[in-house]
Amino acid sequence: ASTSVLMAINFNDTTQPAKFEICTLEQTFKVSITAPVGELLQPHTMGLQDFTQQQGKLKGMTENTGKVTLPKEKSDAKSVVTNVLTVANMLQVPSSESDTVYRFAAKTMSEGVLVLVSVSVNEESANIVVNCEKMVIGTMLLKDLKSLLAKS
């Protein structure tokens, strides 16, 4: 016999794993579930002007930057956007088609803290900027973005 159960976990905007035990009559199983940082986000709609204004407020310690070399086959707009959306549950901010800076916005699930990402593409490299008041989320999101964008 088997039983199916649906369980939701509120990670409370933290990257710490949720640890618990599943107990049966005969055994106990220790479980540890870690949510990828990009899954702690929900897409947020905003315009370019609002994005720029909010990004200006989130400078200094709330800003993480990095540079990555893009493989030739991944330097086009579609690849960059697809890779960012693969890493994080975000929404692309509308901008002009000639713009080589791709902007994305989200809020954290629990507390609704704004998370902004911009990826500026120059031929075969990209500068990534992540702005977020929650420093751990910003740092880990930058690491995940750099890792996926650099993969060929």
N, C-alpha and C. Protein backbone atom coordinates (compact mmCIF):
# COMPACT_ATOMS: atom_id res chain seq x y z
N ALA A 1 0.85 -1.19 0.00
CA ALA A 1 0.00 0.00 0.00
C ALA A 1 0.89 1.24 0.00
N SER A 2 0.39 2.29 -0.61
CA SER A 2 1.14 3.54 -0.64
C SER A 2 0.20 4.71 -0.39
N THR A 3 0.77 5.81 0.04
CA THR A 3 0.01 7.03 0.29
C THR A 3 0.72 8.18 -0.38
N SER A 4 -0.04 9.02 -1.06
CA SER A 4 0.52 10.22 -1.69
C SER A 4 0.14 11.44 -0.87
N VAL A 5 1.11 12.31 -0.67
CA VAL A 5 0.88 13.53 0.11
C VAL A 5 1.50 14.70 -0.64
N LEU A 6 0.80 15.81 -0.67
CA LEU A 6 1.33 17.03 -1.26
C LEU A 6 1.75 17.94 -0.11
N MET A 7 2.99 18.42 -0.17
CA MET A 7 3.51 19.25 0.90
C MET A 7 4.14 20.50 0.29
N ALA A 8 3.81 21.65 0.84
CA ALA A 8 4.42 22.91 0.40
C ALA A 8 5.39 23.38 1.47
N ILE A 9 6.51 23.95 1.02
CA ILE A 9 7.52 24.44 1.96
C ILE A 9 7.71 25.93 1.72
N ASN A 10 7.58 26.72 2.77
CA ASN A 10 7.88 28.14 2.69
C ASN A 10 9.34 28.31 3.14
N PHE A 11 10.22 28.58 2.19
CA PHE A 11 11.64 28.74 2.53
C PHE A 11 11.93 30.08 3.18
N ASN A 12 10.92 30.95 3.25
CA ASN A 12 11.06 32.24 3.93
C ASN A 12 12.24 33.05 3.41
N ASP A 13 12.40 33.05 2.08
CA ASP A 13 13.47 33.81 1.41
C ASP A 13 14.88 33.43 1.88
N THR A 14 15.05 32.20 2.33
CA THR A 14 16.38 31.77 2.76
C THR A 14 16.88 30.64 1.87
N THR A 15 18.18 30.52 1.78
CA THR A 15 18.78 29.47 0.97
C THR A 15 19.12 28.25 1.81
N GLN A 16 18.76 28.29 3.09
CA GLN A 16 19.01 27.15 3.98
C GLN A 16 18.07 26.00 3.62
N PRO A 17 18.56 24.77 3.70
CA PRO A 17 17.68 23.63 3.37
C PRO A 17 16.60 23.42 4.43
N ALA A 18 15.46 22.90 3.99
CA ALA A 18 14.40 22.49 4.92
C ALA A 18 14.70 21.05 5.30
N LYS A 19 14.86 20.79 6.59
CA LYS A 19 15.20 19.44 7.06
C LYS A 19 14.05 18.91 7.91
N PHE A 20 13.67 17.67 7.64
CA PHE A 20 12.62 17.03 8.41
C PHE A 20 12.74 15.52 8.26
N GLU A 21 11.87 14.81 8.96
CA GLU A 21 11.89 13.34 8.89
C GLU A 21 10.54 12.83 8.41
N ILE A 22 10.58 11.80 7.60
CA ILE A 22 9.37 11.09 7.20
C ILE A 22 9.39 9.76 7.95
N CYS A 23 8.35 9.53 8.72
CA CYS A 23 8.31 8.34 9.58
C CYS A 23 7.22 7.37 9.13
N THR A 24 7.58 6.11 9.10
CA THR A 24 6.61 5.04 8.86
C THR A 24 6.57 4.20 10.14
N LEU A 25 5.79 3.15 10.12
CA LEU A 25 5.73 2.29 11.31
C LEU A 25 7.08 1.64 11.59
N GLU A 26 7.83 1.31 10.52
CA GLU A 26 9.09 0.59 10.69
C GLU A 26 10.35 1.46 10.59
N GLN A 27 10.27 2.56 9.82
CA GLN A 27 11.50 3.32 9.55
C GLN A 27 11.29 4.82 9.64
N THR A 28 12.41 5.52 9.77
CA THR A 28 12.44 6.98 9.73
C THR A 28 13.44 7.40 8.66
N PHE A 29 13.03 8.32 7.81
CA PHE A 29 13.89 8.79 6.72
C PHE A 29 14.17 10.27 6.93
N LYS A 30 15.46 10.62 6.99
CA LYS A 30 15.85 12.02 7.10
C LYS A 30 15.82 12.65 5.71
N VAL A 31 15.19 13.83 5.60
CA VAL A 31 15.04 14.50 4.31
C VAL A 31 15.60 15.92 4.42
N SER A 32 16.31 16.34 3.40
CA SER A 32 16.82 17.71 3.33
C SER A 32 16.53 18.23 1.92
N ILE A 33 15.75 19.30 1.83
CA ILE A 33 15.38 19.87 0.53
C ILE A 33 15.92 21.29 0.45
N THR A 34 16.67 21.56 -0.59
CA THR A 34 17.20 22.90 -0.84
C THR A 34 16.57 23.45 -2.11
N ALA A 35 16.04 24.65 -2.04
CA ALA A 35 15.46 25.27 -3.23
C ALA A 35 16.54 26.05 -3.97
N PRO A 36 16.63 25.89 -5.30
CA PRO A 36 17.56 26.74 -6.06
C PRO A 36 17.16 28.21 -5.84
N VAL A 37 18.13 29.09 -5.74
CA VAL A 37 17.85 30.49 -5.42
C VAL A 37 16.87 31.12 -6.42
N GLY A 38 16.95 30.74 -7.68
CA GLY A 38 16.04 31.29 -8.69
C GLY A 38 14.60 30.88 -8.49
N GLU A 39 14.37 29.79 -7.74
CA GLU A 39 13.01 29.33 -7.47
C GLU A 39 12.39 30.02 -6.25
N LEU A 40 13.18 30.83 -5.55
CA LEU A 40 12.66 31.60 -4.42
C LEU A 40 12.04 32.91 -4.89
N LEU A 41 12.01 33.10 -6.21
CA LEU A 41 11.55 34.36 -6.81
C LEU A 41 10.23 34.16 -7.54
N GLN A 42 9.49 35.27 -7.67
CA GLN A 42 8.32 35.29 -8.54
C GLN A 42 8.44 36.49 -9.46
N PRO A 43 8.06 36.34 -10.73
CA PRO A 43 8.22 37.42 -11.70
C PRO A 43 7.51 38.70 -11.24
N HIS A 44 8.10 39.83 -11.59
CA HIS A 44 7.53 41.14 -11.23
C HIS A 44 7.51 42.02 -12.48
N THR A 45 6.35 42.58 -12.78
CA THR A 45 6.20 43.45 -13.95
C THR A 45 6.64 44.87 -13.61
N MET A 46 7.49 45.43 -14.46
CA MET A 46 7.87 46.84 -14.31
C MET A 46 8.39 47.37 -15.64
N GLY A 47 8.29 48.67 -15.82
CA GLY A 47 8.77 49.32 -17.03
C GLY A 47 10.24 49.68 -16.90
N LEU A 48 10.82 50.09 -18.03
CA LEU A 48 12.25 50.43 -18.07
C LEU A 48 12.59 51.59 -17.13
N GLN A 49 11.75 52.62 -17.11
CA GLN A 49 12.03 53.78 -16.27
C GLN A 49 12.01 53.40 -14.78
N ASP A 50 11.02 52.61 -14.40
CA ASP A 50 10.92 52.15 -13.01
C ASP A 50 12.12 51.25 -12.65
N PHE A 51 12.51 50.37 -13.58
CA PHE A 51 13.67 49.49 -13.37
C PHE A 51 14.91 50.33 -13.08
N THR A 52 15.17 51.31 -13.94
CA THR A 52 16.36 52.16 -13.80
C THR A 52 16.33 52.92 -12.47
N GLN A 53 15.16 53.41 -12.10
CA GLN A 53 15.01 54.14 -10.84
C GLN A 53 15.28 53.23 -9.64
N GLN A 54 14.70 52.04 -9.65
CA GLN A 54 14.89 51.09 -8.54
C GLN A 54 16.33 50.59 -8.48
N GLN A 55 16.94 50.37 -9.64
CA GLN A 55 18.33 49.91 -9.68
C GLN A 55 19.25 50.98 -9.06
N GLY A 56 18.94 52.24 -9.32
CA GLY A 56 19.71 53.34 -8.74
C GLY A 56 19.65 53.36 -7.22
N LYS A 57 18.53 52.90 -6.66
CA LYS A 57 18.38 52.85 -5.20
C LYS A 57 19.12 51.66 -4.60
N LEU A 58 19.37 50.64 -5.41
CA LEU A 58 19.99 49.40 -4.90
C LEU A 58 21.46 49.30 -5.32
N LYS A 59 22.22 50.32 -5.08
CA LYS A 59 23.66 50.32 -5.39
C LYS A 59 24.46 49.97 -4.14
N GLY A 60 25.76 49.89 -4.29
CA GLY A 60 26.63 49.64 -3.14
C GLY A 60 26.60 48.20 -2.69
N MET A 61 26.31 47.98 -1.41
CA MET A 61 26.36 46.63 -0.84
C MET A 61 25.25 45.72 -1.37
N THR A 62 24.22 46.31 -1.96
CA THR A 62 23.11 45.49 -2.47
C THR A 62 23.30 45.16 -3.95
N GLU A 63 24.48 45.45 -4.49
CA GLU A 63 24.76 45.19 -5.91
C GLU A 63 25.90 44.19 -6.05
N ASN A 64 25.68 43.18 -6.88
CA ASN A 64 26.71 42.18 -7.19
C ASN A 64 26.96 42.23 -8.68
N THR A 65 28.24 42.28 -9.07
CA THR A 65 28.56 42.35 -10.50
C THR A 65 29.55 41.26 -10.88
N GLY A 66 29.48 40.86 -12.13
CA GLY A 66 30.40 39.85 -12.63
C GLY A 66 30.48 39.92 -14.14
N LYS A 67 31.55 39.36 -14.68
CA LYS A 67 31.75 39.33 -16.13
C LYS A 67 31.96 37.88 -16.54
N VAL A 68 31.40 37.52 -17.67
CA VAL A 68 31.51 36.15 -18.14
C VAL A 68 31.76 36.15 -19.65
N THR A 69 32.59 35.21 -20.10
CA THR A 69 32.81 35.03 -21.54
C THR A 69 31.71 34.13 -22.07
N LEU A 70 31.02 34.60 -23.09
CA LEU A 70 29.92 33.83 -23.68
C LEU A 70 30.42 32.96 -24.82
N PRO A 71 30.00 31.70 -24.87
CA PRO A 71 30.31 30.88 -26.05
C PRO A 71 29.64 31.52 -27.27
N LYS A 72 30.27 31.41 -28.45
CA LYS A 72 29.74 32.05 -29.66
C LYS A 72 28.26 31.75 -29.90
N GLU A 73 27.89 30.48 -29.69
CA GLU A 73 26.51 30.08 -29.97
C GLU A 73 25.51 30.56 -28.91
N LYS A 74 26.01 31.21 -27.85
CA LYS A 74 25.12 31.68 -26.79
C LYS A 74 25.15 33.19 -26.60
N SER A 75 25.67 33.93 -27.57
CA SER A 75 25.79 35.38 -27.38
C SER A 75 24.63 36.16 -27.98
N ASP A 76 23.68 35.47 -28.64
CA ASP A 76 22.53 36.17 -29.22
C ASP A 76 21.48 36.45 -28.15
N ALA A 77 20.57 37.37 -28.45
CA ALA A 77 19.56 37.81 -27.48
C ALA A 77 18.72 36.66 -26.95
N LYS A 78 18.25 35.79 -27.86
CA LYS A 78 17.38 34.69 -27.44
C LYS A 78 18.08 33.77 -26.45
N SER A 79 19.35 33.44 -26.71
CA SER A 79 20.10 32.55 -25.81
C SER A 79 20.31 33.18 -24.44
N VAL A 80 20.67 34.46 -24.42
CA VAL A 80 20.91 35.14 -23.15
C VAL A 80 19.63 35.17 -22.32
N VAL A 81 18.52 35.58 -22.95
CA VAL A 81 17.24 35.65 -22.24
C VAL A 81 16.81 34.27 -21.74
N THR A 82 16.91 33.26 -22.61
CA THR A 82 16.53 31.90 -22.23
C THR A 82 17.36 31.40 -21.05
N ASN A 83 18.66 31.66 -21.06
CA ASN A 83 19.53 31.22 -19.97
C ASN A 83 19.18 31.90 -18.64
N VAL A 84 18.92 33.20 -18.68
CA VAL A 84 18.55 33.90 -17.45
C VAL A 84 17.25 33.33 -16.90
N LEU A 85 16.27 33.12 -17.78
CA LEU A 85 14.97 32.61 -17.33
C LEU A 85 15.04 31.15 -16.90
N THR A 86 16.06 30.43 -17.35
CA THR A 86 16.28 29.06 -16.89
C THR A 86 16.79 29.05 -15.45
N VAL A 87 17.63 30.02 -15.12
CA VAL A 87 18.21 30.11 -13.78
C VAL A 87 17.22 30.68 -12.77
N ALA A 88 16.45 31.69 -13.17
CA ALA A 88 15.61 32.40 -12.21
C ALA A 88 14.21 32.65 -12.75
N ASN A 89 13.25 32.57 -11.86
CA ASN A 89 11.85 32.82 -12.18
C ASN A 89 11.63 34.33 -12.22
N MET A 90 11.97 34.95 -13.36
CA MET A 90 11.91 36.40 -13.50
C MET A 90 11.11 36.77 -14.74
N LEU A 91 10.88 38.07 -14.92
CA LEU A 91 10.19 38.58 -16.10
C LEU A 91 11.09 39.59 -16.78
N GLN A 92 11.19 39.51 -18.10
CA GLN A 92 12.03 40.45 -18.83
C GLN A 92 11.36 41.82 -18.87
N VAL A 93 12.14 42.86 -18.62
CA VAL A 93 11.65 44.23 -18.68
C VAL A 93 11.71 44.69 -20.13
N PRO A 94 10.59 45.19 -20.68
CA PRO A 94 10.58 45.62 -22.09
C PRO A 94 11.58 46.75 -22.33
N SER A 95 12.29 46.68 -23.47
CA SER A 95 13.20 47.74 -23.89
C SER A 95 13.28 47.73 -25.41
N SER A 96 14.03 48.66 -25.99
CA SER A 96 14.11 48.73 -27.45
C SER A 96 14.85 47.52 -28.00
N GLU A 97 14.52 47.13 -29.23
CA GLU A 97 15.14 45.95 -29.84
C GLU A 97 16.63 46.13 -30.08
N SER A 98 17.09 47.37 -30.26
CA SER A 98 18.51 47.61 -30.51
C SER A 98 19.33 47.59 -29.22
N ASP A 99 18.66 47.55 -28.09
CA ASP A 99 19.33 47.55 -26.79
C ASP A 99 20.02 46.21 -26.56
N THR A 100 21.31 46.24 -26.19
CA THR A 100 22.04 45.00 -25.89
C THR A 100 22.15 44.76 -24.39
N VAL A 101 21.34 45.48 -23.63
CA VAL A 101 21.24 45.25 -22.19
C VAL A 101 19.88 44.61 -21.93
N TYR A 102 19.90 43.42 -21.36
CA TYR A 102 18.67 42.69 -21.08
C TYR A 102 18.40 42.79 -19.59
N ARG A 103 17.19 43.24 -19.25
CA ARG A 103 16.85 43.50 -17.85
C ARG A 103 15.71 42.57 -17.41
N PHE A 104 15.78 42.15 -16.15
CA PHE A 104 14.80 41.21 -15.60
C PHE A 104 14.44 41.65 -14.19
N ALA A 105 13.18 41.41 -13.81
CA ALA A 105 12.72 41.80 -12.48
C ALA A 105 11.93 40.67 -11.83
N ALA A 106 12.07 40.59 -10.51
CA ALA A 106 11.32 39.61 -9.71
C ALA A 106 11.24 40.14 -8.29
N LYS A 107 10.43 39.46 -7.49
CA LYS A 107 10.38 39.72 -6.05
C LYS A 107 10.53 38.38 -5.35
N THR A 108 11.10 38.42 -4.15
CA THR A 108 11.21 37.17 -3.39
C THR A 108 9.82 36.72 -2.98
N MET A 109 9.63 35.40 -2.90
CA MET A 109 8.31 34.83 -2.62
C MET A 109 7.73 35.26 -1.27
N SER A 110 8.52 35.16 -0.22
CA SER A 110 7.99 35.40 1.13
C SER A 110 7.82 36.87 1.47
N GLU A 111 8.88 37.64 1.31
CA GLU A 111 8.87 39.02 1.78
C GLU A 111 8.66 40.06 0.69
N GLY A 112 8.64 39.64 -0.57
CA GLY A 112 8.41 40.58 -1.66
C GLY A 112 9.54 41.56 -1.88
N VAL A 113 10.78 41.13 -1.60
CA VAL A 113 11.95 41.99 -1.80
C VAL A 113 12.30 42.00 -3.28
N LEU A 114 12.51 43.19 -3.83
CA LEU A 114 12.80 43.35 -5.25
C LEU A 114 14.16 42.76 -5.63
N VAL A 115 14.19 42.04 -6.75
CA VAL A 115 15.43 41.48 -7.29
C VAL A 115 15.53 41.93 -8.75
N LEU A 116 16.62 42.62 -9.09
CA LEU A 116 16.82 43.12 -10.45
C LEU A 116 18.08 42.50 -11.04
N VAL A 117 17.99 42.12 -12.31
CA VAL A 117 19.15 41.57 -13.02
C VAL A 117 19.28 42.30 -14.34
N SER A 118 20.50 42.73 -14.67
CA SER A 118 20.75 43.25 -16.02
C SER A 118 21.97 42.55 -16.59
N VAL A 119 21.85 42.18 -17.85
CA VAL A 119 22.94 41.50 -18.56
C VAL A 119 23.26 42.35 -19.77
N SER A 120 24.47 42.89 -19.79
CA SER A 120 24.93 43.74 -20.89
C SER A 120 25.88 42.93 -21.77
N VAL A 121 25.48 42.70 -23.02
CA VAL A 121 26.24 41.84 -23.92
C VAL A 121 27.12 42.68 -24.85
N ASN A 122 28.42 42.34 -24.90
CA ASN A 122 29.38 42.97 -25.81
C ASN A 122 30.08 41.86 -26.58
N GLU A 123 29.65 41.60 -27.79
CA GLU A 123 30.20 40.54 -28.65
C GLU A 123 30.25 39.20 -27.93
N GLU A 124 31.40 38.80 -27.38
CA GLU A 124 31.51 37.47 -26.78
C GLU A 124 31.62 37.49 -25.26
N SER A 125 31.24 38.61 -24.64
CA SER A 125 31.26 38.66 -23.18
C SER A 125 29.99 39.34 -22.68
N ALA A 126 29.72 39.16 -21.40
CA ALA A 126 28.54 39.78 -20.80
C ALA A 126 28.89 40.26 -19.40
N ASN A 127 28.41 41.45 -19.08
CA ASN A 127 28.51 41.98 -17.73
C ASN A 127 27.17 41.76 -17.06
N ILE A 128 27.19 41.15 -15.89
CA ILE A 128 25.97 40.83 -15.17
C ILE A 128 25.92 41.68 -13.90
N VAL A 129 24.77 42.30 -13.65
CA VAL A 129 24.56 43.07 -12.43
C VAL A 129 23.29 42.54 -11.76
N VAL A 130 23.43 42.16 -10.49
CA VAL A 130 22.28 41.70 -9.71
C VAL A 130 22.11 42.66 -8.54
N ASN A 131 20.92 43.24 -8.42
CA ASN A 131 20.62 44.15 -7.32
C ASN A 131 19.54 43.54 -6.44
N CYS A 132 19.84 43.41 -5.14
CA CYS A 132 18.87 42.84 -4.20
C CYS A 132 19.29 43.19 -2.78
N GLU A 133 18.33 43.61 -1.96
CA GLU A 133 18.63 43.92 -0.56
C GLU A 133 19.10 42.69 0.21
N LYS A 134 18.65 41.53 -0.19
CA LYS A 134 19.07 40.28 0.46
C LYS A 134 20.38 39.84 -0.19
N MET A 135 21.48 40.10 0.51
CA MET A 135 22.81 39.90 -0.07
C MET A 135 23.09 38.45 -0.47
N VAL A 136 22.64 37.49 0.32
CA VAL A 136 22.89 36.08 0.00
C VAL A 136 22.19 35.70 -1.30
N ILE A 137 20.95 36.14 -1.46
CA ILE A 137 20.22 35.84 -2.69
C ILE A 137 20.92 36.48 -3.89
N GLY A 138 21.34 37.74 -3.76
CA GLY A 138 22.04 38.42 -4.85
C GLY A 138 23.33 37.73 -5.24
N THR A 139 24.12 37.34 -4.25
CA THR A 139 25.40 36.68 -4.50
C THR A 139 25.21 35.32 -5.17
N MET A 140 24.29 34.53 -4.64
CA MET A 140 24.07 33.19 -5.20
C MET A 140 23.44 33.24 -6.59
N LEU A 141 22.55 34.21 -6.82
CA LEU A 141 21.94 34.35 -8.14
C LEU A 141 22.99 34.73 -9.17
N LEU A 142 23.90 35.64 -8.82
CA LEU A 142 24.99 36.01 -9.73
C LEU A 142 25.84 34.79 -10.06
N LYS A 143 26.18 34.00 -9.06
CA LYS A 143 26.99 32.79 -9.27
C LYS A 143 26.29 31.83 -10.24
N ASP A 144 25.00 31.59 -10.03
CA ASP A 144 24.24 30.69 -10.91
C ASP A 144 24.15 31.23 -12.33
N LEU A 145 23.93 32.54 -12.47
CA LEU A 145 23.85 33.15 -13.81
C LEU A 145 25.18 33.04 -14.54
N LYS A 146 26.27 33.36 -13.86
CA LYS A 146 27.60 33.26 -14.49
C LYS A 146 27.87 31.84 -14.95
N SER A 147 27.54 30.88 -14.11
CA SER A 147 27.79 29.48 -14.42
C SER A 147 27.04 29.03 -15.68
N LEU A 148 25.76 29.35 -15.78
CA LEU A 148 24.98 28.89 -16.94
C LEU A 148 25.32 29.66 -18.21
N LEU A 149 25.55 30.97 -18.09
CA LEU A 149 25.88 31.76 -19.28
C LEU A 149 27.22 31.37 -19.88
N ALA A 150 28.15 30.90 -19.06
CA ALA A 150 29.49 30.53 -19.54
C ALA A 150 29.52 29.15 -20.18
N LYS A 151 28.53 28.30 -19.87
CA LYS A 151 28.53 26.93 -20.40
C LYS A 151 28.26 26.93 -21.90
N SER A 152 28.98 26.04 -22.60
CA SER A 152 28.75 25.94 -24.04
C SER A 152 27.81 24.79 -24.35
